[in-house]
N, C-alpha and C. Protein backbone atom coordinates (compact mmCIF):
# COMPACT_ATOMS: atom_id res chain seq x y z
N MET A 1 14.76 -16.68 7.30
CA MET A 1 13.71 -15.84 7.88
C MET A 1 13.56 -14.53 7.11
N HIS A 2 14.71 -13.92 6.72
CA HIS A 2 14.64 -12.67 5.97
C HIS A 2 13.98 -12.88 4.61
N ALA A 3 14.28 -14.02 3.99
CA ALA A 3 13.68 -14.31 2.68
C ALA A 3 12.16 -14.45 2.82
N LEU A 4 11.69 -15.08 3.88
CA LEU A 4 10.25 -15.23 4.11
C LEU A 4 9.60 -13.87 4.35
N ALA A 5 10.26 -13.02 5.12
CA ALA A 5 9.74 -11.67 5.39
C ALA A 5 9.66 -10.86 4.10
N THR A 6 10.57 -11.11 3.18
CA THR A 6 10.55 -10.43 1.89
C THR A 6 9.52 -11.09 0.97
N ARG A 7 9.51 -12.40 0.91
CA ARG A 7 8.64 -13.16 0.01
C ARG A 7 7.15 -12.90 0.28
N GLN A 8 6.77 -12.74 1.54
CA GLN A 8 5.35 -12.52 1.85
C GLN A 8 4.82 -11.24 1.19
N ALA A 9 5.71 -10.28 0.93
CA ALA A 9 5.30 -9.02 0.32
C ALA A 9 4.93 -9.18 -1.16
N ILE A 10 5.25 -10.32 -1.74
CA ILE A 10 4.84 -10.58 -3.12
C ILE A 10 3.33 -10.74 -3.19
N PHE A 11 2.72 -11.26 -2.11
CA PHE A 11 1.30 -11.60 -2.15
C PHE A 11 0.41 -10.78 -1.21
N LEU A 12 0.86 -10.52 0.00
CA LEU A 12 -0.05 -10.00 1.02
C LEU A 12 -0.48 -8.54 0.87
N PRO A 13 0.41 -7.58 0.61
CA PRO A 13 -0.10 -6.20 0.57
C PRO A 13 -1.21 -6.00 -0.46
N LEU A 14 -0.98 -6.44 -1.69
CA LEU A 14 -2.00 -6.28 -2.72
C LEU A 14 -3.12 -7.30 -2.54
N GLY A 15 -2.78 -8.52 -2.18
CA GLY A 15 -3.79 -9.58 -2.02
C GLY A 15 -4.86 -9.23 -1.01
N ALA A 16 -4.46 -8.69 0.13
CA ALA A 16 -5.43 -8.32 1.17
C ALA A 16 -6.36 -7.22 0.68
N MET A 17 -5.81 -6.28 -0.08
CA MET A 17 -6.65 -5.19 -0.58
C MET A 17 -7.56 -5.66 -1.72
N LEU A 18 -7.06 -6.56 -2.56
CA LEU A 18 -7.92 -7.11 -3.63
C LEU A 18 -9.08 -7.92 -3.04
N ALA A 19 -8.80 -8.64 -1.96
CA ALA A 19 -9.87 -9.39 -1.29
C ALA A 19 -10.94 -8.44 -0.76
N LEU A 20 -10.50 -7.31 -0.19
CA LEU A 20 -11.45 -6.32 0.32
C LEU A 20 -12.26 -5.70 -0.83
N ILE A 21 -11.59 -5.41 -1.93
CA ILE A 21 -12.29 -4.86 -3.11
C ILE A 21 -13.35 -5.84 -3.60
N ALA A 22 -12.99 -7.11 -3.70
CA ALA A 22 -13.94 -8.13 -4.16
C ALA A 22 -15.10 -8.27 -3.19
N PHE A 23 -14.80 -8.28 -1.90
CA PHE A 23 -15.86 -8.38 -0.89
C PHE A 23 -16.84 -7.21 -1.00
N ALA A 24 -16.33 -6.02 -1.25
CA ALA A 24 -17.17 -4.82 -1.30
C ALA A 24 -18.28 -4.93 -2.33
N PHE A 25 -18.03 -5.66 -3.40
CA PHE A 25 -19.06 -5.84 -4.43
C PHE A 25 -20.26 -6.64 -3.93
N THR A 26 -20.10 -7.35 -2.83
CA THR A 26 -21.18 -8.20 -2.31
C THR A 26 -22.02 -7.51 -1.24
N VAL A 27 -21.63 -6.30 -0.85
CA VAL A 27 -22.31 -5.62 0.27
C VAL A 27 -23.49 -4.80 -0.24
N PRO A 28 -24.71 -5.16 0.18
CA PRO A 28 -25.89 -4.42 -0.25
C PRO A 28 -25.84 -2.96 0.26
N GLY A 29 -26.20 -2.04 -0.62
CA GLY A 29 -26.26 -0.63 -0.24
C GLY A 29 -24.91 0.09 -0.31
N TYR A 30 -23.86 -0.63 -0.56
CA TYR A 30 -22.53 -0.03 -0.70
C TYR A 30 -22.23 0.10 -2.19
N HIS A 31 -21.69 1.24 -2.60
CA HIS A 31 -21.44 1.50 -4.02
C HIS A 31 -19.94 1.62 -4.27
N SER A 32 -19.37 0.59 -4.86
CA SER A 32 -17.92 0.53 -5.08
C SER A 32 -17.40 1.64 -5.98
N LEU A 33 -18.20 2.13 -6.90
CA LEU A 33 -17.74 3.19 -7.79
C LEU A 33 -17.60 4.53 -7.08
N SER A 34 -18.51 4.82 -6.17
CA SER A 34 -18.52 6.15 -5.56
C SER A 34 -18.03 6.20 -4.12
N GLN A 35 -17.87 5.05 -3.47
CA GLN A 35 -17.47 5.07 -2.06
C GLN A 35 -16.08 4.48 -1.86
N HIS A 36 -15.33 5.12 -0.96
CA HIS A 36 -14.01 4.60 -0.58
C HIS A 36 -14.17 3.30 0.19
N LEU A 37 -13.14 2.49 0.17
CA LEU A 37 -13.17 1.22 0.88
C LEU A 37 -13.40 1.43 2.38
N SER A 38 -12.84 2.48 2.94
CA SER A 38 -12.98 2.74 4.38
C SER A 38 -14.43 2.91 4.80
N GLU A 39 -15.27 3.33 3.88
CA GLU A 39 -16.68 3.54 4.20
C GLU A 39 -17.40 2.24 4.53
N LEU A 40 -16.81 1.11 4.15
CA LEU A 40 -17.38 -0.18 4.57
C LEU A 40 -17.35 -0.30 6.10
N GLY A 41 -16.38 0.34 6.73
CA GLY A 41 -16.24 0.29 8.18
C GLY A 41 -17.37 0.98 8.92
N LEU A 42 -18.14 1.79 8.23
CA LEU A 42 -19.27 2.47 8.84
C LEU A 42 -20.51 1.57 8.89
N LEU A 43 -20.45 0.46 8.18
CA LEU A 43 -21.57 -0.47 8.15
C LEU A 43 -21.39 -1.51 9.26
N PRO A 44 -22.49 -2.02 9.78
CA PRO A 44 -22.37 -3.00 10.88
C PRO A 44 -21.94 -4.38 10.38
N GLY A 45 -21.43 -5.16 11.30
CA GLY A 45 -21.17 -6.58 11.06
C GLY A 45 -19.97 -6.88 10.19
N LEU A 46 -20.19 -7.77 9.23
CA LEU A 46 -19.12 -8.29 8.38
C LEU A 46 -18.39 -7.20 7.59
N PRO A 47 -19.07 -6.19 7.02
CA PRO A 47 -18.33 -5.15 6.31
C PRO A 47 -17.30 -4.44 7.21
N ALA A 48 -17.68 -4.12 8.43
CA ALA A 48 -16.75 -3.46 9.36
C ALA A 48 -15.58 -4.38 9.69
N GLN A 49 -15.85 -5.67 9.83
CA GLN A 49 -14.78 -6.63 10.13
C GLN A 49 -13.84 -6.78 8.93
N ALA A 50 -14.39 -6.73 7.72
CA ALA A 50 -13.57 -6.84 6.51
C ALA A 50 -12.61 -5.65 6.41
N VAL A 51 -13.10 -4.46 6.76
CA VAL A 51 -12.25 -3.27 6.73
C VAL A 51 -11.20 -3.33 7.83
N LEU A 52 -11.50 -3.99 8.90
CA LEU A 52 -10.50 -4.21 9.95
C LEU A 52 -9.40 -5.13 9.42
N LEU A 53 -9.79 -6.20 8.76
CA LEU A 53 -8.81 -7.21 8.32
C LEU A 53 -7.96 -6.79 7.12
N GLY A 54 -8.58 -6.37 6.03
CA GLY A 54 -7.85 -6.07 4.79
C GLY A 54 -6.70 -5.08 4.98
N PRO A 55 -7.00 -3.86 5.40
CA PRO A 55 -5.91 -2.89 5.58
C PRO A 55 -4.93 -3.29 6.68
N SER A 56 -5.40 -3.96 7.73
CA SER A 56 -4.50 -4.37 8.81
C SER A 56 -3.50 -5.42 8.32
N ILE A 57 -3.98 -6.39 7.57
CA ILE A 57 -3.08 -7.41 7.02
C ILE A 57 -2.09 -6.76 6.06
N SER A 58 -2.60 -5.92 5.19
CA SER A 58 -1.74 -5.24 4.23
C SER A 58 -0.71 -4.37 4.94
N GLY A 59 -1.14 -3.60 5.92
CA GLY A 59 -0.23 -2.73 6.67
C GLY A 59 0.84 -3.51 7.41
N CYS A 60 0.45 -4.60 8.07
CA CYS A 60 1.43 -5.43 8.78
C CYS A 60 2.43 -6.04 7.82
N SER A 61 1.94 -6.49 6.67
CA SER A 61 2.82 -7.07 5.66
C SER A 61 3.85 -6.05 5.17
N ILE A 62 3.39 -4.84 4.94
CA ILE A 62 4.30 -3.77 4.47
C ILE A 62 5.33 -3.45 5.55
N ILE A 63 4.91 -3.40 6.80
CA ILE A 63 5.85 -3.14 7.90
C ILE A 63 6.88 -4.26 8.01
N ILE A 64 6.45 -5.50 7.89
CA ILE A 64 7.38 -6.64 7.94
C ILE A 64 8.39 -6.55 6.80
N PHE A 65 7.91 -6.25 5.60
CA PHE A 65 8.82 -6.09 4.45
C PHE A 65 9.80 -4.96 4.70
N SER A 66 9.30 -3.85 5.21
CA SER A 66 10.15 -2.67 5.46
C SER A 66 11.24 -2.98 6.48
N LEU A 67 10.85 -3.62 7.56
CA LEU A 67 11.83 -3.96 8.60
C LEU A 67 12.84 -4.99 8.09
N SER A 68 12.38 -5.92 7.25
CA SER A 68 13.32 -6.90 6.69
C SER A 68 14.33 -6.22 5.78
N LEU A 69 13.90 -5.20 5.04
CA LEU A 69 14.85 -4.44 4.22
C LEU A 69 15.92 -3.80 5.09
N LEU A 70 15.49 -3.22 6.18
CA LEU A 70 16.42 -2.54 7.08
C LEU A 70 17.39 -3.51 7.74
N VAL A 71 16.90 -4.65 8.16
CA VAL A 71 17.74 -5.65 8.82
C VAL A 71 18.72 -6.27 7.82
N GLN A 72 18.27 -6.52 6.59
CA GLN A 72 19.11 -7.16 5.59
C GLN A 72 20.22 -6.24 5.09
N ALA A 73 19.90 -5.01 4.87
CA ALA A 73 20.87 -4.09 4.30
C ALA A 73 20.52 -2.66 4.71
N ARG A 74 21.37 -2.07 5.51
CA ARG A 74 21.11 -0.72 6.01
C ARG A 74 21.00 0.31 4.90
N ARG A 75 21.46 -0.04 3.71
CA ARG A 75 21.38 0.92 2.60
C ARG A 75 19.94 1.23 2.22
N PHE A 76 18.98 0.42 2.69
CA PHE A 76 17.56 0.64 2.40
C PHE A 76 16.87 1.41 3.54
N ALA A 77 17.61 2.17 4.30
CA ALA A 77 17.06 2.86 5.47
C ALA A 77 15.94 3.84 5.11
N LEU A 78 16.12 4.63 4.08
CA LEU A 78 15.08 5.61 3.72
C LEU A 78 13.84 4.92 3.16
N THR A 79 14.05 3.89 2.36
CA THR A 79 12.92 3.11 1.85
C THR A 79 12.15 2.51 3.02
N ALA A 80 12.88 1.97 3.99
CA ALA A 80 12.25 1.34 5.15
C ALA A 80 11.44 2.35 5.95
N VAL A 81 11.94 3.57 6.09
CA VAL A 81 11.22 4.59 6.86
C VAL A 81 9.90 4.96 6.18
N THR A 82 9.96 5.32 4.90
CA THR A 82 8.72 5.74 4.22
C THR A 82 7.74 4.58 4.05
N SER A 83 8.27 3.40 3.83
CA SER A 83 7.40 2.23 3.69
C SER A 83 6.76 1.87 5.02
N THR A 84 7.51 1.97 6.11
CA THR A 84 6.94 1.70 7.44
C THR A 84 5.85 2.71 7.77
N LEU A 85 6.05 3.96 7.40
CA LEU A 85 5.02 4.97 7.62
C LEU A 85 3.73 4.61 6.87
N PHE A 86 3.89 4.15 5.64
CA PHE A 86 2.73 3.73 4.85
C PHE A 86 2.06 2.52 5.50
N GLY A 87 2.86 1.55 5.92
CA GLY A 87 2.31 0.37 6.58
C GLY A 87 1.56 0.73 7.86
N ALA A 88 2.13 1.64 8.63
CA ALA A 88 1.47 2.08 9.88
C ALA A 88 0.16 2.81 9.57
N ALA A 89 0.16 3.61 8.51
CA ALA A 89 -1.07 4.30 8.11
C ALA A 89 -2.14 3.30 7.69
N MET A 90 -1.73 2.27 6.97
CA MET A 90 -2.69 1.24 6.55
C MET A 90 -3.22 0.47 7.75
N LEU A 91 -2.33 0.15 8.68
CA LEU A 91 -2.76 -0.54 9.89
C LEU A 91 -3.78 0.30 10.64
N SER A 92 -3.54 1.60 10.73
CA SER A 92 -4.50 2.47 11.41
C SER A 92 -5.80 2.59 10.62
N ASN A 93 -5.73 2.47 9.29
CA ASN A 93 -6.97 2.47 8.49
C ASN A 93 -7.85 1.29 8.86
N GLY A 94 -7.21 0.19 9.23
CA GLY A 94 -7.98 -0.98 9.64
C GLY A 94 -8.50 -0.88 11.06
N LEU A 95 -7.70 -0.27 11.93
CA LEU A 95 -8.05 -0.24 13.35
C LEU A 95 -8.94 0.92 13.76
N VAL A 96 -8.92 2.01 12.98
CA VAL A 96 -9.66 3.22 13.34
C VAL A 96 -10.67 3.54 12.23
N THR A 97 -11.90 3.78 12.62
CA THR A 97 -12.96 4.06 11.65
C THR A 97 -12.73 5.37 10.93
N THR A 98 -13.11 5.40 9.67
CA THR A 98 -12.99 6.62 8.87
C THR A 98 -13.72 7.77 9.55
N GLY A 99 -13.19 8.96 9.38
CA GLY A 99 -13.74 10.14 10.03
C GLY A 99 -12.85 10.63 11.16
N SER A 100 -12.10 9.74 11.76
CA SER A 100 -11.16 10.11 12.81
C SER A 100 -9.82 10.50 12.17
N PRO A 101 -9.13 11.50 12.73
CA PRO A 101 -7.81 11.84 12.18
C PRO A 101 -6.79 10.72 12.36
N MET A 102 -7.07 9.79 13.28
CA MET A 102 -6.19 8.65 13.46
C MET A 102 -6.36 7.61 12.35
N HIS A 103 -7.45 7.71 11.59
CA HIS A 103 -7.64 6.85 10.43
C HIS A 103 -6.64 7.31 9.37
N GLY A 104 -5.62 6.51 9.15
CA GLY A 104 -4.55 6.92 8.23
C GLY A 104 -3.43 7.67 8.92
N LEU A 105 -3.49 7.74 10.25
CA LEU A 105 -2.45 8.44 11.04
C LEU A 105 -2.18 9.84 10.53
N TYR A 106 -3.22 10.63 10.44
CA TYR A 106 -3.10 12.03 10.04
C TYR A 106 -2.48 12.18 8.65
N GLY A 107 -2.70 11.22 7.77
CA GLY A 107 -2.23 11.32 6.39
C GLY A 107 -0.78 10.98 6.17
N VAL A 108 -0.13 10.34 7.15
CA VAL A 108 1.29 10.04 7.03
C VAL A 108 1.58 9.08 5.86
N GLY A 109 0.56 8.39 5.40
CA GLY A 109 0.74 7.49 4.26
C GLY A 109 1.13 8.20 2.98
N ILE A 110 1.02 9.52 2.97
CA ILE A 110 1.41 10.30 1.79
C ILE A 110 2.87 10.06 1.41
N PHE A 111 3.67 9.68 2.39
CA PHE A 111 5.08 9.41 2.12
C PHE A 111 5.28 8.17 1.24
N SER A 112 4.22 7.41 1.05
CA SER A 112 4.31 6.19 0.24
C SER A 112 4.73 6.49 -1.20
N VAL A 113 4.42 7.67 -1.70
CA VAL A 113 4.80 7.98 -3.09
C VAL A 113 6.32 8.09 -3.25
N LEU A 114 7.03 8.33 -2.14
CA LEU A 114 8.49 8.40 -2.20
C LEU A 114 9.14 7.02 -2.15
N THR A 115 8.46 6.05 -1.58
CA THR A 115 9.05 4.73 -1.34
C THR A 115 9.63 4.09 -2.61
N PRO A 116 8.89 4.01 -3.72
CA PRO A 116 9.47 3.37 -4.91
C PRO A 116 10.71 4.09 -5.43
N LEU A 117 10.71 5.41 -5.38
CA LEU A 117 11.87 6.16 -5.87
C LEU A 117 13.07 6.01 -4.93
N LEU A 118 12.82 6.02 -3.63
CA LEU A 118 13.91 5.81 -2.68
C LEU A 118 14.49 4.41 -2.82
N PHE A 119 13.64 3.43 -3.08
CA PHE A 119 14.10 2.07 -3.30
C PHE A 119 15.06 2.02 -4.49
N LEU A 120 14.71 2.72 -5.57
CA LEU A 120 15.59 2.77 -6.74
C LEU A 120 16.94 3.38 -6.40
N VAL A 121 16.90 4.50 -5.70
CA VAL A 121 18.14 5.18 -5.33
C VAL A 121 18.99 4.28 -4.46
N GLU A 122 18.38 3.65 -3.47
CA GLU A 122 19.13 2.81 -2.54
C GLU A 122 19.54 1.48 -3.17
N LEU A 123 18.81 1.02 -4.16
CA LEU A 123 19.19 -0.19 -4.88
C LEU A 123 20.40 0.07 -5.77
N GLY A 124 20.44 1.27 -6.31
CA GLY A 124 21.58 1.68 -7.12
C GLY A 124 21.66 0.96 -8.45
N PRO A 125 22.88 0.70 -8.90
CA PRO A 125 23.07 0.10 -10.23
C PRO A 125 22.55 -1.34 -10.35
N GLN A 126 22.20 -1.95 -9.24
CA GLN A 126 21.65 -3.31 -9.29
C GLN A 126 20.20 -3.34 -9.75
N ALA A 127 19.57 -2.19 -9.86
CA ALA A 127 18.16 -2.12 -10.25
C ALA A 127 17.97 -2.57 -11.69
N SER A 128 17.02 -3.46 -11.89
CA SER A 128 16.70 -3.93 -13.24
C SER A 128 15.90 -2.84 -13.96
N SER A 129 15.82 -2.94 -15.26
CA SER A 129 15.02 -1.97 -16.01
C SER A 129 13.54 -2.11 -15.65
N ARG A 130 13.11 -3.31 -15.30
CA ARG A 130 11.71 -3.53 -14.92
C ARG A 130 11.36 -2.78 -13.64
N ILE A 131 12.20 -2.91 -12.61
CA ILE A 131 11.89 -2.23 -11.34
C ILE A 131 12.03 -0.71 -11.50
N ARG A 132 12.90 -0.27 -12.37
CA ARG A 132 13.00 1.18 -12.64
C ARG A 132 11.69 1.70 -13.22
N TRP A 133 11.19 1.00 -14.23
CA TRP A 133 9.96 1.41 -14.89
C TRP A 133 8.79 1.37 -13.91
N VAL A 134 8.63 0.24 -13.21
CA VAL A 134 7.51 0.07 -12.28
C VAL A 134 7.57 1.11 -11.16
N SER A 135 8.74 1.34 -10.62
CA SER A 135 8.89 2.29 -9.50
C SER A 135 8.58 3.72 -9.93
N CYS A 136 9.10 4.12 -11.07
CA CYS A 136 8.84 5.49 -11.54
C CYS A 136 7.35 5.72 -11.80
N TRP A 137 6.71 4.77 -12.47
CA TRP A 137 5.29 4.92 -12.77
C TRP A 137 4.43 4.83 -11.53
N THR A 138 4.83 4.00 -10.58
CA THR A 138 4.07 3.90 -9.32
C THR A 138 4.08 5.23 -8.59
N SER A 139 5.24 5.85 -8.48
CA SER A 139 5.33 7.15 -7.81
C SER A 139 4.56 8.22 -8.56
N LEU A 140 4.69 8.25 -9.86
CA LEU A 140 4.00 9.25 -10.66
C LEU A 140 2.48 9.11 -10.55
N LEU A 141 1.98 7.88 -10.65
CA LEU A 141 0.54 7.66 -10.53
C LEU A 141 0.04 7.98 -9.11
N GLY A 142 0.85 7.65 -8.11
CA GLY A 142 0.50 8.00 -6.73
C GLY A 142 0.38 9.50 -6.54
N MET A 143 1.33 10.24 -7.10
CA MET A 143 1.28 11.71 -7.01
C MET A 143 0.06 12.25 -7.74
N ALA A 144 -0.24 11.70 -8.91
CA ALA A 144 -1.41 12.17 -9.68
C ALA A 144 -2.69 11.95 -8.88
N TYR A 145 -2.81 10.79 -8.24
CA TYR A 145 -4.01 10.51 -7.45
C TYR A 145 -4.10 11.47 -6.25
N LEU A 146 -3.01 11.67 -5.55
CA LEU A 146 -3.02 12.59 -4.41
C LEU A 146 -3.35 14.01 -4.87
N TRP A 147 -2.82 14.42 -6.00
CA TRP A 147 -3.11 15.75 -6.54
C TRP A 147 -4.60 15.88 -6.84
N MET A 148 -5.19 14.84 -7.43
CA MET A 148 -6.63 14.87 -7.72
C MET A 148 -7.44 15.00 -6.43
N MET A 149 -7.03 14.30 -5.40
CA MET A 149 -7.77 14.35 -4.13
C MET A 149 -7.63 15.72 -3.47
N VAL A 150 -6.41 16.25 -3.43
CA VAL A 150 -6.16 17.52 -2.74
C VAL A 150 -6.84 18.69 -3.46
N THR A 151 -6.86 18.66 -4.78
CA THR A 151 -7.45 19.77 -5.54
C THR A 151 -8.95 19.63 -5.74
N GLY A 152 -9.52 18.51 -5.32
CA GLY A 152 -10.95 18.31 -5.48
C GLY A 152 -11.32 17.85 -6.89
N MET A 153 -10.33 17.44 -7.66
CA MET A 153 -10.60 17.00 -9.03
C MET A 153 -10.94 15.51 -9.12
N ASP A 154 -10.94 14.84 -7.98
CA ASP A 154 -11.35 13.44 -7.94
C ASP A 154 -12.87 13.44 -8.05
N PRO A 155 -13.44 12.95 -9.16
CA PRO A 155 -14.89 13.06 -9.36
C PRO A 155 -15.67 12.31 -8.28
N PRO A 156 -16.56 13.01 -7.57
CA PRO A 156 -17.29 12.40 -6.45
C PRO A 156 -18.03 11.10 -6.81
N ASP A 157 -18.59 11.04 -8.00
CA ASP A 157 -19.33 9.84 -8.40
C ASP A 157 -18.41 8.65 -8.68
N TYR A 158 -17.12 8.91 -8.81
CA TYR A 158 -16.17 7.85 -9.15
C TYR A 158 -14.98 7.79 -8.21
N ARG A 159 -15.09 8.38 -7.04
CA ARG A 159 -13.93 8.40 -6.14
C ARG A 159 -13.60 7.01 -5.60
N GLY A 160 -14.55 6.13 -5.53
CA GLY A 160 -14.27 4.74 -5.16
C GLY A 160 -13.46 4.05 -6.25
N LEU A 161 -13.83 4.32 -7.49
CA LEU A 161 -13.10 3.74 -8.62
C LEU A 161 -11.68 4.29 -8.69
N THR A 162 -11.53 5.60 -8.55
CA THR A 162 -10.18 6.17 -8.62
C THR A 162 -9.31 5.67 -7.47
N GLN A 163 -9.91 5.49 -6.29
CA GLN A 163 -9.14 4.94 -5.18
C GLN A 163 -8.64 3.54 -5.51
N ARG A 164 -9.50 2.73 -6.06
CA ARG A 164 -9.12 1.35 -6.39
C ARG A 164 -8.07 1.31 -7.49
N LEU A 165 -8.19 2.20 -8.48
CA LEU A 165 -7.19 2.26 -9.54
C LEU A 165 -5.83 2.72 -9.00
N ALA A 166 -5.83 3.64 -8.05
CA ALA A 166 -4.58 4.11 -7.45
C ALA A 166 -4.00 3.05 -6.52
N LEU A 167 -4.85 2.28 -5.93
CA LEU A 167 -4.43 1.23 -4.99
C LEU A 167 -3.63 0.13 -5.69
N LEU A 168 -3.98 -0.20 -6.91
CA LEU A 168 -3.32 -1.29 -7.63
C LEU A 168 -1.81 -1.09 -7.76
N PRO A 169 -1.33 0.03 -8.31
CA PRO A 169 0.13 0.19 -8.38
C PRO A 169 0.76 0.42 -7.00
N ALA A 170 0.07 1.12 -6.12
CA ALA A 170 0.64 1.43 -4.80
C ALA A 170 0.94 0.16 -4.01
N PHE A 171 0.02 -0.80 -4.03
CA PHE A 171 0.22 -2.05 -3.29
C PHE A 171 0.92 -3.10 -4.15
N GLY A 172 0.67 -3.07 -5.45
CA GLY A 172 1.32 -4.01 -6.36
C GLY A 172 2.82 -3.79 -6.44
N TRP A 173 3.26 -2.56 -6.23
CA TRP A 173 4.69 -2.26 -6.27
C TRP A 173 5.47 -3.15 -5.30
N TYR A 174 4.88 -3.47 -4.17
CA TYR A 174 5.58 -4.29 -3.17
C TYR A 174 5.93 -5.68 -3.73
N ALA A 175 5.10 -6.22 -4.59
CA ALA A 175 5.42 -7.51 -5.21
C ALA A 175 6.67 -7.39 -6.07
N PHE A 176 6.73 -6.34 -6.88
CA PHE A 176 7.90 -6.13 -7.73
C PHE A 176 9.16 -5.88 -6.90
N ALA A 177 9.02 -5.07 -5.86
CA ALA A 177 10.18 -4.75 -5.01
C ALA A 177 10.68 -6.00 -4.29
N ALA A 178 9.76 -6.82 -3.81
CA ALA A 178 10.16 -8.05 -3.12
C ALA A 178 10.88 -9.00 -4.07
N ILE A 179 10.35 -9.15 -5.26
CA ILE A 179 11.00 -10.01 -6.26
C ILE A 179 12.39 -9.49 -6.59
N GLU A 180 12.49 -8.19 -6.78
CA GLU A 180 13.80 -7.58 -7.07
C GLU A 180 14.78 -7.79 -5.92
N ARG A 181 14.30 -7.61 -4.71
CA ARG A 181 15.16 -7.79 -3.53
C ARG A 181 15.59 -9.24 -3.39
N LEU A 182 14.71 -10.18 -3.65
CA LEU A 182 15.07 -11.60 -3.56
C LEU A 182 16.15 -11.98 -4.58
N LYS A 183 16.14 -11.32 -5.74
CA LYS A 183 17.14 -11.60 -6.77
C LYS A 183 18.56 -11.26 -6.31
N ILE A 184 18.66 -10.20 -5.50
CA ILE A 184 20.00 -9.74 -5.11
C ILE A 184 20.37 -10.09 -3.67
N MET A 185 19.46 -10.79 -2.98
CA MET A 185 19.75 -11.18 -1.60
C MET A 185 20.88 -12.19 -1.56
N PRO A 186 21.79 -12.03 -0.61
CA PRO A 186 22.83 -13.04 -0.47
C PRO A 186 22.22 -14.36 0.01
N ALA A 187 22.71 -15.45 -0.54
CA ALA A 187 22.22 -16.77 -0.12
C ALA A 187 22.69 -17.07 1.29
N ARG A 188 21.82 -17.68 2.08
CA ARG A 188 22.18 -18.01 3.48
C ARG A 188 22.03 -19.48 3.71
């Protein structure tokens, strides 16, 4: 069961968001380069339902992975906390329309930039060079994107593009972390 909870993180967090990105290209009047994915939720019908599904699936997947880390090995407690916060923020992105402070749970997802680095620390000497590289770059790119947003340097005409570019390592990291965790999991 723990292996399944870990294995699903190889596909679902990033897969659900990639599906939403692909769907957004088909929505008339929506501009993927300049609009955030959450703005699909402001449109009626299928676009609003897609925004409900994509982030909710991704958020639930991240929470399941986080809890499985905690259950499997308490040494991943800090990773599990920050990752669960990110998963909860994503779940709220799906359940609450953009514009509300509950969309993203008041920005608690910001802790996601710590998750890859905490995973490295808690993994310790068992960390492969690949997960070290991926984790460090994921955190650095996440911080750069947040800095651009906070300072207003995220170009308005391309904020949809920058969001999608930042989303790739943020959600893709879970695939690498799950693979790394499966390598060192005790056989049952």
